[in-house]
Amino acid sequence: MIKALTFTALGGALLLGSGVPATANNYQYHMIVNTVQVTVSCFRGPFSEVIWDRPNAVFIDSLVNAGYTFPEAHAIGERVCRDPSTVDRPDMAVQVMHQIIAQNPPG
């Protein structure tokens, strides 16, 4: 019984005490598209590999407000946030977003 409690406590401590603040890997940049502000905002996991990376809801919503459909906005968000060349380079994520808008402008 004590072993089970010890392992449970250790597991919880490892999950909760990773030493990486939850917001340390989030970023947000703003840009204007069709007079609507698009917020490039991604969650980056604690690793330099693209594992948990995903667009934040504010990114998807701002793309929908700019004129993209929800499926288009979600696909664009995934493309920008999961691009390996943008890891630890948020400015590159904005450049990728500019390229996407140039190639496929909103509706």
PDB file of N, CA and C in Angstrom:
ATOM      1  N   MET A   1       0.824  -1.191   0.000  1.00  0.00           N
ATOM      2  CA  MET A   1       0.000   0.000   0.000  1.00  0.00           C
ATOM      3  C   MET A   1       0.869   1.258   0.000  1.00  0.00           C
ATOM      4  N   ILE A   2       1.924   1.265   0.837  1.00  0.00           N
ATOM      5  CA  ILE A   2       2.798   2.436   0.897  1.00  0.00           C
ATOM      6  C   ILE A   2       3.547   2.596  -0.415  1.00  0.00           C
ATOM      7  N   LYS A   3       3.946   1.477  -1.041  1.00  0.00           N
ATOM      8  CA  LYS A   3       4.640   1.563  -2.330  1.00  0.00           C
ATOM      9  C   LYS A   3       3.733   2.204  -3.386  1.00  0.00           C
ATOM     10  N   ALA A   4       2.467   1.796  -3.399  1.00  0.00           N
ATOM     11  CA  ALA A   4       1.530   2.346  -4.374  1.00  0.00           C
ATOM     12  C   ALA A   4       1.351   3.842  -4.167  1.00  0.00           C
ATOM     13  N   LEU A   5       1.235   4.277  -2.926  1.00  0.00           N
ATOM     14  CA  LEU A   5       1.089   5.706  -2.644  1.00  0.00           C
ATOM     15  C   LEU A   5       2.357   6.476  -3.020  1.00  0.00           C
ATOM     16  N   THR A   6       3.509   5.882  -2.772  1.00  0.00           N
ATOM     17  CA  THR A   6       4.771   6.535  -3.106  1.00  0.00           C
ATOM     18  C   THR A   6       4.892   6.718  -4.605  1.00  0.00           C
ATOM     19  N   PHE A   7       4.588   5.675  -5.378  1.00  0.00           N
ATOM     20  CA  PHE A   7       4.671   5.777  -6.833  1.00  0.00           C
ATOM     21  C   PHE A   7       3.657   6.784  -7.375  1.00  0.00           C
ATOM     22  N   THR A   8       2.471   6.799  -6.793  1.00  0.00           N
ATOM     23  CA  THR A   8       1.462   7.767  -7.229  1.00  0.00           C
ATOM     24  C   THR A   8       1.929   9.192  -6.942  1.00  0.00           C
ATOM     25  N   ALA A   9       2.485   9.411  -5.750  1.00  0.00           N
ATOM     26  CA  ALA A   9       2.965  10.747  -5.398  1.00  0.00           C
ATOM     27  C   ALA A   9       4.122  11.164  -6.292  1.00  0.00           C
ATOM     28  N   LEU A  10       5.037  10.245  -6.575  1.00  0.00           N
ATOM     29  CA  LEU A  10       6.163  10.566  -7.455  1.00  0.00           C
ATOM     30  C   LEU A  10       5.687  10.885  -8.864  1.00  0.00           C
ATOM     31  N   GLY A  11       4.743  10.098  -9.353  1.00  0.00           N
ATOM     32  CA  GLY A  11       4.203  10.342 -10.697  1.00  0.00           C
ATOM     33  C   GLY A  11       3.542  11.703 -10.779  1.00  0.00           C
ATOM     34  N   GLY A  12       2.762  12.055  -9.757  1.00  0.00           N
ATOM     35  CA  GLY A  12       2.114  13.366  -9.736  1.00  0.00           C
ATOM     36  C   GLY A  12       3.123  14.488  -9.658  1.00  0.00           C
ATOM     37  N   ALA A  13       4.169  14.298  -8.867  1.00  0.00           N
ATOM     38  CA  ALA A  13       5.203  15.326  -8.750  1.00  0.00           C
ATOM     39  C   ALA A  13       5.926  15.522 -10.070  1.00  0.00           C
ATOM     40  N   LEU A  14       6.163  14.435 -10.793  1.00  0.00           N
ATOM     41  CA  LEU A  14       6.826  14.558 -12.092  1.00  0.00           C
ATOM     42  C   LEU A  14       5.951  15.292 -13.093  1.00  0.00           C
ATOM     43  N   LEU A  15       4.638  15.000 -13.068  1.00  0.00           N
ATOM     44  CA  LEU A  15       3.737  15.659 -13.997  1.00  0.00           C
ATOM     45  C   LEU A  15       3.555  17.134 -13.667  1.00  0.00           C
ATOM     46  N   LEU A  16       3.420  17.448 -12.392  1.00  0.00           N
ATOM     47  CA  LEU A  16       3.138  18.828 -12.004  1.00  0.00           C
ATOM     48  C   LEU A  16       4.392  19.674 -11.879  1.00  0.00           C
ATOM     49  N   GLY A  17       5.507  19.066 -11.540  1.00  0.00           N
ATOM     50  CA  GLY A  17       6.714  19.840 -11.286  1.00  0.00           C
ATOM     51  C   GLY A  17       7.754  19.697 -12.366  1.00  0.00           C
ATOM     52  N   SER A  18       7.358  19.856 -13.614  1.00  0.00           N
ATOM     53  CA  SER A  18       8.316  19.683 -14.705  1.00  0.00           C
ATOM     54  C   SER A  18       9.310  20.834 -14.784  1.00  0.00           C
ATOM     55  N   GLY A  19       9.041  21.912 -14.058  1.00  0.00           N
ATOM     56  CA  GLY A  19       9.956  23.047 -14.086  1.00  0.00           C
ATOM     57  C   GLY A  19       9.724  23.990 -15.250  1.00  0.00           C
ATOM     58  N   VAL A  20       8.758  23.690 -16.101  1.00  0.00           N
ATOM     59  CA  VAL A  20       8.455  24.544 -17.250  1.00  0.00           C
ATOM     60  C   VAL A  20       7.097  25.178 -17.011  1.00  0.00           C
ATOM     61  N   PRO A  21       7.031  26.495 -16.880  1.00  0.00           N
ATOM     62  CA  PRO A  21       5.738  27.136 -16.681  1.00  0.00           C
ATOM     63  C   PRO A  21       4.812  26.873 -17.864  1.00  0.00           C
ATOM     64  N   ALA A  22       3.538  26.749 -17.597  1.00  0.00           N
ATOM     65  CA  ALA A  22       2.567  26.408 -18.643  1.00  0.00           C
ATOM     66  C   ALA A  22       2.518  27.460 -19.746  1.00  0.00           C
ATOM     67  N   THR A  23       2.775  28.710 -19.436  1.00  0.00           N
ATOM     68  CA  THR A  23       2.674  29.758 -20.446  1.00  0.00           C
ATOM     69  C   THR A  23       4.009  30.095 -21.091  1.00  0.00           C
ATOM     70  N   ALA A  24       5.085  29.446 -20.691  1.00  0.00           N
ATOM     71  CA  ALA A  24       6.407  29.804 -21.203  1.00  0.00           C
ATOM     72  C   ALA A  24       6.547  29.506 -22.682  1.00  0.00           C
ATOM     73  N   ASN A  25       5.770  28.573 -23.202  1.00  0.00           N
ATOM     74  CA  ASN A  25       5.924  28.163 -24.582  1.00  0.00           C
ATOM     75  C   ASN A  25       4.789  28.647 -25.476  1.00  0.00           C
ATOM     76  N   ASN A  26       4.044  29.607 -25.018  1.00  0.00           N
ATOM     77  CA  ASN A  26       3.008  30.214 -25.836  1.00  0.00           C
ATOM     78  C   ASN A  26       3.527  31.531 -26.385  1.00  0.00           C
ATOM     79  N   TYR A  27       3.100  31.880 -27.567  1.00  0.00           N
ATOM     80  CA  TYR A  27       3.455  33.187 -28.086  1.00  0.00           C
ATOM     81  C   TYR A  27       2.318  33.723 -28.918  1.00  0.00           C
ATOM     82  N   GLN A  28       2.288  35.036 -29.062  1.00  0.00           N
ATOM     83  CA  GLN A  28       1.254  35.704 -29.817  1.00  0.00           C
ATOM     84  C   GLN A  28       1.857  36.869 -30.578  1.00  0.00           C
ATOM     85  N   TYR A  29       1.556  36.960 -31.866  1.00  0.00           N
ATOM     86  CA  TYR A  29       1.956  38.091 -32.701  1.00  0.00           C
ATOM     87  C   TYR A  29       0.737  38.522 -33.490  1.00  0.00           C
ATOM     88  N   HIS A  30       0.617  39.795 -33.725  1.00  0.00           N
ATOM     89  CA  HIS A  30      -0.546  40.335 -34.425  1.00  0.00           C
ATOM     90  C   HIS A  30      -0.141  40.843 -35.799  1.00  0.00           C
ATOM     91  N   MET A  31      -1.031  40.642 -36.758  1.00  0.00           N
ATOM     92  CA  MET A  31      -0.836  41.171 -38.099  1.00  0.00           C
ATOM     93  C   MET A  31      -2.203  41.563 -38.656  1.00  0.00           C
ATOM     94  N   ILE A  32      -2.250  42.424 -39.648  1.00  0.00           N
ATOM     95  CA  ILE A  32      -3.507  42.904 -40.213  1.00  0.00           C
ATOM     96  C   ILE A  32      -3.745  42.241 -41.567  1.00  0.00           C
ATOM     97  N   VAL A  33      -4.934  41.644 -41.735  1.00  0.00           N
ATOM     98  CA  VAL A  33      -5.352  41.008 -42.982  1.00  0.00           C
ATOM     99  C   VAL A  33      -6.765  41.496 -43.273  1.00  0.00           C
ATOM    100  N   ASN A  34      -6.962  42.099 -44.422  1.00  0.00           N
ATOM    101  CA  ASN A  34      -8.285  42.617 -44.787  1.00  0.00           C
ATOM    102  C   ASN A  34      -8.857  43.507 -43.688  1.00  0.00           C
ATOM    103  N   THR A  35      -8.057  44.357 -43.137  1.00  0.00           N
ATOM    104  CA  THR A  35      -8.400  45.267 -42.045  1.00  0.00           C
ATOM    105  C   THR A  35      -8.848  44.537 -40.774  1.00  0.00           C
ATOM    106  N   VAL A  36      -8.574  43.243 -40.684  1.00  0.00           N
ATOM    107  CA  VAL A  36      -8.875  42.459 -39.485  1.00  0.00           C
ATOM    108  C   VAL A  36      -7.550  41.990 -38.903  1.00  0.00           C
ATOM    109  N   GLN A  37      -7.429  42.097 -37.602  1.00  0.00           N
ATOM    110  CA  GLN A  37      -6.192  41.678 -36.947  1.00  0.00           C
ATOM    111  C   GLN A  37      -6.159  40.156 -36.813  1.00  0.00           C
ATOM    112  N   VAL A  38      -5.100  39.542 -37.335  1.00  0.00           N
ATOM    113  CA  VAL A  38      -4.887  38.098 -37.192  1.00  0.00           C
ATOM    114  C   VAL A  38      -3.830  37.925 -36.108  1.00  0.00           C
ATOM    115  N   THR A  39      -4.131  37.092 -35.146  1.00  0.00           N
ATOM    116  CA  THR A  39      -3.223  36.819 -34.043  1.00  0.00           C
ATOM    117  C   THR A  39      -2.570  35.465 -34.268  1.00  0.00           C
ATOM    118  N   VAL A  40      -1.285  35.454 -34.579  1.00  0.00           N
ATOM    119  CA  VAL A  40      -0.537  34.209 -34.737  1.00  0.00           C
ATOM    120  C   VAL A  40      -0.148  33.779 -33.333  1.00  0.00           C
ATOM    121  N   SER A  41      -0.806  32.732 -32.848  1.00  0.00           N
ATOM    122  CA  SER A  41      -0.625  32.295 -31.466  1.00  0.00           C
ATOM    123  C   SER A  41      -0.565  30.775 -31.423  1.00  0.00           C
ATOM    124  N   CYS A  42       0.570  30.246 -30.967  1.00  0.00           N
ATOM    125  CA  CYS A  42       0.773  28.807 -30.938  1.00  0.00           C
ATOM    126  C   CYS A  42       1.197  28.351 -29.549  1.00  0.00           C
ATOM    127  N   PHE A  43       0.814  27.147 -29.219  1.00  0.00           N
ATOM    128  CA  PHE A  43       1.350  26.502 -28.024  1.00  0.00           C
ATOM    129  C   PHE A  43       2.509  25.633 -28.465  1.00  0.00           C
ATOM    130  N   ARG A  44       3.644  25.795 -27.836  1.00  0.00           N
ATOM    131  CA  ARG A  44       4.819  24.974 -28.094  1.00  0.00           C
ATOM    132  C   ARG A  44       5.044  24.092 -26.881  1.00  0.00           C
ATOM    133  N   GLY A  45       5.246  22.815 -27.100  1.00  0.00           N
ATOM    134  CA  GLY A  45       5.560  21.912 -25.998  1.00  0.00           C
ATOM    135  C   GLY A  45       6.931  22.209 -25.438  1.00  0.00           C
ATOM    136  N   PRO A  46       7.313  21.505 -24.400  1.00  0.00           N
ATOM    137  CA  PRO A  46       8.592  21.785 -23.744  1.00  0.00           C
ATOM    138  C   PRO A  46       9.811  21.257 -24.509  1.00  0.00           C
ATOM    139  N   PHE A  47       9.594  20.608 -25.639  1.00  0.00           N
ATOM    140  CA  PHE A  47      10.690  20.031 -26.399  1.00  0.00           C
ATOM    141  C   PHE A  47      10.961  20.836 -27.664  1.00  0.00           C
ATOM    142  N   SER A  48      12.165  20.705 -28.211  1.00  0.00           N
ATOM    143  CA  SER A  48      12.478  21.416 -29.450  1.00  0.00           C
ATOM    144  C   SER A  48      11.918  20.681 -30.663  1.00  0.00           C
ATOM    145  N   GLU A  49      11.475  19.440 -30.479  1.00  0.00           N
ATOM    146  CA  GLU A  49      10.824  18.715 -31.564  1.00  0.00           C
ATOM    147  C   GLU A  49       9.354  19.132 -31.635  1.00  0.00           C
ATOM    148  N   VAL A  50       8.765  18.991 -32.806  1.00  0.00           N
ATOM    149  CA  VAL A  50       7.354  19.319 -32.981  1.00  0.00           C
ATOM    150  C   VAL A  50       6.545  18.107 -32.526  1.00  0.00           C
ATOM    151  N   ILE A  51       6.051  18.172 -31.296  1.00  0.00           N
ATOM    152  CA  ILE A  51       5.300  17.049 -30.730  1.00  0.00           C
ATOM    153  C   ILE A  51       3.893  17.502 -30.343  1.00  0.00           C
ATOM    154  N   TRP A  52       3.815  18.464 -29.423  1.00  0.00           N
ATOM    155  CA  TRP A  52       2.529  18.929 -28.910  1.00  0.00           C
ATOM    156  C   TRP A  52       2.110  20.240 -29.524  1.00  0.00           C
ATOM    157  N   ASP A  53       2.838  20.742 -30.475  1.00  0.00           N
ATOM    158  CA  ASP A  53       2.594  22.074 -31.021  1.00  0.00           C
ATOM    159  C   ASP A  53       1.227  22.138 -31.693  1.00  0.00           C
ATOM    160  N   ARG A  54       0.519  23.224 -31.399  1.00  0.00           N
ATOM    161  CA  ARG A  54      -0.820  23.389 -31.976  1.00  0.00           C
ATOM    162  C   ARG A  54      -1.207  24.857 -31.931  1.00  0.00           C
ATOM    163  N   PRO A  55      -2.157  25.255 -32.779  1.00  0.00           N
ATOM    164  CA  PRO A  55      -2.615  26.648 -32.743  1.00  0.00           C
ATOM    165  C   PRO A  55      -3.517  26.873 -31.529  1.00  0.00           C
ATOM    166  N   ASN A  56      -3.406  28.046 -30.934  1.00  0.00           N
ATOM    167  CA  ASN A  56      -4.329  28.432 -29.873  1.00  0.00           C
ATOM    168  C   ASN A  56      -5.641  28.886 -30.496  1.00  0.00           C
ATOM    169  N   ALA A  57      -6.708  28.832 -29.735  1.00  0.00           N
ATOM    170  CA  ALA A  57      -8.039  29.177 -30.250  1.00  0.00           C
ATOM    171  C   ALA A  57      -8.103  30.598 -30.798  1.00  0.00           C
ATOM    172  N   VAL A  58      -7.383  31.524 -30.176  1.00  0.00           N
ATOM    173  CA  VAL A  58      -7.403  32.907 -30.642  1.00  0.00           C
ATOM    174  C   VAL A  58      -6.857  33.011 -32.070  1.00  0.00           C
ATOM    175  N   PHE A  59      -5.908  32.161 -32.429  1.00  0.00           N
ATOM    176  CA  PHE A  59      -5.352  32.133 -33.787  1.00  0.00           C
ATOM    177  C   PHE A  59      -6.425  31.680 -34.778  1.00  0.00           C
ATOM    178  N   ILE A  60      -7.069  30.566 -34.487  1.00  0.00           N
ATOM    179  CA  ILE A  60      -8.120  30.037 -35.381  1.00  0.00           C
ATOM    180  C   ILE A  60      -9.254  31.043 -35.523  1.00  0.00           C
ATOM    181  N   ASP A  61      -9.717  31.600 -34.391  1.00  0.00           N
ATOM    182  CA  ASP A  61     -10.816  32.572 -34.433  1.00  0.00           C
ATOM    183  C   ASP A  61     -10.457  33.810 -35.248  1.00  0.00           C
ATOM    184  N   SER A  62      -9.219  34.280 -35.126  1.00  0.00           N
ATOM    185  CA  SER A  62      -8.836  35.475 -35.886  1.00  0.00           C
ATOM    186  C   SER A  62      -8.767  35.184 -37.382  1.00  0.00           C
ATOM    187  N   LEU A  63      -8.377  33.962 -37.756  1.00  0.00           N
ATOM    188  CA  LEU A  63      -8.374  33.593 -39.177  1.00  0.00           C
ATOM    189  C   LEU A  63      -9.802  33.515 -39.723  1.00  0.00           C
ATOM    190  N   VAL A  64     -10.725  32.982 -38.929  1.00  0.00           N
ATOM    191  CA  VAL A  64     -12.139  32.942 -39.342  1.00  0.00           C
ATOM    192  C   VAL A  64     -12.665  34.365 -39.503  1.00  0.00           C
ATOM    193  N   ASN A  65     -12.325  35.250 -38.570  1.00  0.00           N
ATOM    194  CA  ASN A  65     -12.758  36.656 -38.673  1.00  0.00           C
ATOM    195  C   ASN A  65     -12.159  37.359 -39.887  1.00  0.00           C
ATOM    196  N   ALA A  66     -10.994  36.889 -40.339  1.00  0.00           N
ATOM    197  CA  ALA A  66     -10.352  37.492 -41.520  1.00  0.00           C
ATOM    198  C   ALA A  66     -10.980  37.012 -42.822  1.00  0.00           C
ATOM    199  N   GLY A  67     -11.796  35.946 -42.767  1.00  0.00           N
ATOM    200  CA  GLY A  67     -12.487  35.500 -43.975  1.00  0.00           C
ATOM    201  C   GLY A  67     -12.266  34.054 -44.363  1.00  0.00           C
ATOM    202  N   TYR A  68     -11.468  33.316 -43.632  1.00  0.00           N
ATOM    203  CA  TYR A  68     -11.275  31.892 -43.921  1.00  0.00           C
ATOM    204  C   TYR A  68     -12.411  31.086 -43.298  1.00  0.00           C
ATOM    205  N   THR A  69     -12.741  29.951 -43.897  1.00  0.00           N
ATOM    206  CA  THR A  69     -13.705  29.053 -43.271  1.00  0.00           C
ATOM    207  C   THR A  69     -13.021  28.382 -42.084  1.00  0.00           C
ATOM    208  N   PHE A  70     -13.829  27.788 -41.195  1.00  0.00           N
ATOM    209  CA  PHE A  70     -13.226  27.142 -40.024  1.00  0.00           C
ATOM    210  C   PHE A  70     -12.262  26.025 -40.420  1.00  0.00           C
ATOM    211  N   PRO A  71     -12.615  25.133 -41.369  1.00  0.00           N
ATOM    212  CA  PRO A  71     -11.642  24.097 -41.756  1.00  0.00           C
ATOM    213  C   PRO A  71     -10.359  24.687 -42.345  1.00  0.00           C
ATOM    214  N   GLU A  72     -10.490  25.751 -43.153  1.00  0.00           N
ATOM    215  CA  GLU A  72      -9.298  26.404 -43.697  1.00  0.00           C
ATOM    216  C   GLU A  72      -8.452  27.008 -42.575  1.00  0.00           C
ATOM    217  N   ALA A  73      -9.118  27.689 -41.661  1.00  0.00           N
ATOM    218  CA  ALA A  73      -8.412  28.332 -40.550  1.00  0.00           C
ATOM    219  C   ALA A  73      -7.686  27.298 -39.695  1.00  0.00           C
ATOM    220  N   HIS A  74      -8.337  26.191 -39.427  1.00  0.00           N
ATOM    221  CA  HIS A  74      -7.709  25.146 -38.614  1.00  0.00           C
ATOM    222  C   HIS A  74      -6.511  24.545 -39.342  1.00  0.00           C
ATOM    223  N   ALA A  75      -6.655  24.300 -40.628  1.00  0.00           N
ATOM    224  CA  ALA A  75      -5.549  23.747 -41.408  1.00  0.00           C
ATOM    225  C   ALA A  75      -4.370  24.729 -41.458  1.00  0.00           C
ATOM    226  N   ILE A  76      -4.659  26.013 -41.636  1.00  0.00           N
ATOM    227  CA  ILE A  76      -3.603  27.018 -41.665  1.00  0.00           C
ATOM    228  C   ILE A  76      -2.914  27.084 -40.309  1.00  0.00           C
ATOM    229  N   GLY A  77      -3.688  27.083 -39.241  1.00  0.00           N
ATOM    230  CA  GLY A  77      -3.117  27.124 -37.901  1.00  0.00           C
ATOM    231  C   GLY A  77      -2.207  25.943 -37.631  1.00  0.00           C
ATOM    232  N   GLU A  78      -2.656  24.751 -38.022  1.00  0.00           N
ATOM    233  CA  GLU A  78      -1.826  23.552 -37.851  1.00  0.00           C
ATOM    234  C   GLU A  78      -0.550  23.662 -38.679  1.00  0.00           C
ATOM    235  N   ARG A  79      -0.676  24.158 -39.900  1.00  0.00           N
ATOM    236  CA  ARG A  79       0.489  24.295 -40.792  1.00  0.00           C
ATOM    237  C   ARG A  79       1.523  25.249 -40.207  1.00  0.00           C
ATOM    238  N   VAL A  80       1.062  26.387 -39.703  1.00  0.00           N
ATOM    239  CA  VAL A  80       1.980  27.389 -39.160  1.00  0.00           C
ATOM    240  C   VAL A  80       2.605  26.905 -37.860  1.00  0.00           C
ATOM    241  N   CYS A  81       1.803  26.377 -36.960  1.00  0.00           N
ATOM    242  CA  CYS A  81       2.305  26.016 -35.626  1.00  0.00           C
ATOM    243  C   CYS A  81       3.122  24.736 -35.622  1.00  0.00           C
ATOM    244  N   ARG A  82       2.902  23.850 -36.572  1.00  0.00           N
ATOM    245  CA  ARG A  82       3.634  22.586 -36.587  1.00  0.00           C
ATOM    246  C   ARG A  82       4.799  22.584 -37.573  1.00  0.00           C
ATOM    247  N   ASP A  83       5.103  23.725 -38.154  1.00  0.00           N
ATOM    248  CA  ASP A  83       6.231  23.832 -39.075  1.00  0.00           C
ATOM    249  C   ASP A  83       7.534  23.728 -38.287  1.00  0.00           C
ATOM    250  N   PRO A  84       8.383  22.740 -38.578  1.00  0.00           N
ATOM    251  CA  PRO A  84       9.628  22.579 -37.818  1.00  0.00           C
ATOM    252  C   PRO A  84      10.563  23.781 -37.913  1.00  0.00           C
ATOM    253  N   SER A  85      10.470  24.553 -38.988  1.00  0.00           N
ATOM    254  CA  SER A  85      11.359  25.709 -39.133  1.00  0.00           C
ATOM    255  C   SER A  85      10.970  26.860 -38.208  1.00  0.00           C
ATOM    256  N   THR A  86       9.797  26.781 -37.573  1.00  0.00           N
ATOM    257  CA  THR A  86       9.354  27.859 -36.694  1.00  0.00           C
ATOM    258  C   THR A  86       9.613  27.567 -35.218  1.00  0.00           C
ATOM    259  N   VAL A  87      10.191  26.429 -34.899  1.00  0.00           N
ATOM    260  CA  VAL A  87      10.465  26.091 -33.504  1.00  0.00           C
ATOM    261  C   VAL A  87      11.447  27.102 -32.922  1.00  0.00           C
ATOM    262  N   ASP A  88      11.054  27.713 -31.810  1.00  0.00           N
ATOM    263  CA  ASP A  88      11.844  28.748 -31.135  1.00  0.00           C
ATOM    264  C   ASP A  88      12.092  29.966 -32.017  1.00  0.00           C
ATOM    265  N   ARG A  89      11.280  30.133 -33.057  1.00  0.00           N
ATOM    266  CA  ARG A  89      11.410  31.292 -33.956  1.00  0.00           C
ATOM    267  C   ARG A  89      10.020  31.832 -34.307  1.00  0.00           C
ATOM    268  N   PRO A  90       9.354  32.495 -33.358  1.00  0.00           N
ATOM    269  CA  PRO A  90       8.010  33.011 -33.622  1.00  0.00           C
ATOM    270  C   PRO A  90       7.954  33.962 -34.805  1.00  0.00           C
ATOM    271  N   ASP A  91       9.040  34.705 -35.051  1.00  0.00           N
ATOM    272  CA  ASP A  91       9.057  35.614 -36.195  1.00  0.00           C
ATOM    273  C   ASP A  91       8.949  34.835 -37.503  1.00  0.00           C
ATOM    274  N   MET A  92       9.483  33.637 -37.532  1.00  0.00           N
ATOM    275  CA  MET A  92       9.375  32.781 -38.717  1.00  0.00           C
ATOM    276  C   MET A  92       7.935  32.307 -38.912  1.00  0.00           C
ATOM    277  N   ALA A  93       7.219  32.080 -37.808  1.00  0.00           N
ATOM    278  CA  ALA A  93       5.803  31.695 -37.910  1.00  0.00           C
ATOM    279  C   ALA A  93       5.005  32.801 -38.575  1.00  0.00           C
ATOM    280  N   VAL A  94       5.327  34.041 -38.262  1.00  0.00           N
ATOM    281  CA  VAL A  94       4.647  35.172 -38.898  1.00  0.00           C
ATOM    282  C   VAL A  94       4.989  35.213 -40.387  1.00  0.00           C
ATOM    283  N   GLN A  95       6.230  34.943 -40.749  1.00  0.00           N
ATOM    284  CA  GLN A  95       6.619  34.914 -42.163  1.00  0.00           C
ATOM    285  C   GLN A  95       5.878  33.801 -42.906  1.00  0.00           C
ATOM    286  N   VAL A  96       5.749  32.632 -42.287  1.00  0.00           N
ATOM    287  CA  VAL A  96       5.000  31.526 -42.904  1.00  0.00           C
ATOM    288  C   VAL A  96       3.550  31.947 -43.110  1.00  0.00           C
ATOM    289  N   MET A  97       2.983  32.642 -42.128  1.00  0.00           N
ATOM    290  CA  MET A  97       1.598  33.110 -42.249  1.00  0.00           C
ATOM    291  C   MET A  97       1.461  34.101 -43.388  1.00  0.00           C
ATOM    292  N   HIS A  98       2.430  35.004 -43.550  1.00  0.00           N
ATOM    293  CA  HIS A  98       2.406  35.959 -44.675  1.00  0.00           C
ATOM    294  C   HIS A  98       2.447  35.204 -46.011  1.00  0.00           C
ATOM    295  N   GLN A  99       3.268  34.178 -46.109  1.00  0.00           N
ATOM    296  CA  GLN A  99       3.356  33.392 -47.346  1.00  0.00           C
ATOM    297  C   GLN A  99       2.028  32.698 -47.646  1.00  0.00           C
ATOM    298  N   ILE A 100       1.388  32.145 -46.623  1.00  0.00           N
ATOM    299  CA  ILE A 100       0.100  31.473 -46.816  1.00  0.00           C
ATOM    300  C   ILE A 100      -0.957  32.453 -47.287  1.00  0.00           C
ATOM    301  N   ILE A 101      -0.983  33.632 -46.696  1.00  0.00           N
ATOM    302  CA  ILE A 101      -1.968  34.637 -47.101  1.00  0.00           C
ATOM    303  C   ILE A 101      -1.720  35.098 -48.532  1.00  0.00           C
ATOM    304  N   ALA A 102      -0.443  35.221 -48.925  1.00  0.00           N
ATOM    305  CA  ALA A 102      -0.121  35.630 -50.300  1.00  0.00           C
ATOM    306  C   ALA A 102      -0.554  34.562 -51.312  1.00  0.00           C
ATOM    307  N   GLN A 103      -0.380  33.291 -50.957  1.00  0.00           N
ATOM    308  CA  GLN A 103      -0.732  32.192 -51.860  1.00  0.00           C
ATOM    309  C   GLN A 103      -2.220  31.866 -51.847  1.00  0.00           C
ATOM    310  N   ASN A 104      -2.864  32.057 -50.701  1.00  0.00           N
ATOM    311  CA  ASN A 104      -4.276  31.704 -50.554  1.00  0.00           C
ATOM    312  C   ASN A 104      -4.968  32.769 -49.705  1.00  0.00           C
ATOM    313  N   PRO A 105      -5.316  33.910 -50.314  1.00  0.00           N
ATOM    314  CA  PRO A 105      -5.954  34.973 -49.529  1.00  0.00           C
ATOM    315  C   PRO A 105      -7.330  34.531 -49.017  1.00  0.00           C
ATOM    316  N   PRO A 106      -7.778  35.144 -47.927  1.00  0.00           N
ATOM    317  CA  PRO A 106      -9.083  34.759 -47.369  1.00  0.00           C
ATOM    318  C   PRO A 106     -10.212  35.091 -48.312  1.00  0.00           C
ATOM    319  N   GLY A 107     -11.253  34.255 -48.235  1.00  0.00           N
ATOM    320  CA  GLY A 107     -12.454  34.280 -49.020  1.00  0.00           C
ATOM    321  C   GLY A 107     -12.888  35.537 -49.589  1.00  0.00           C
TER     322      GLY A 107
END
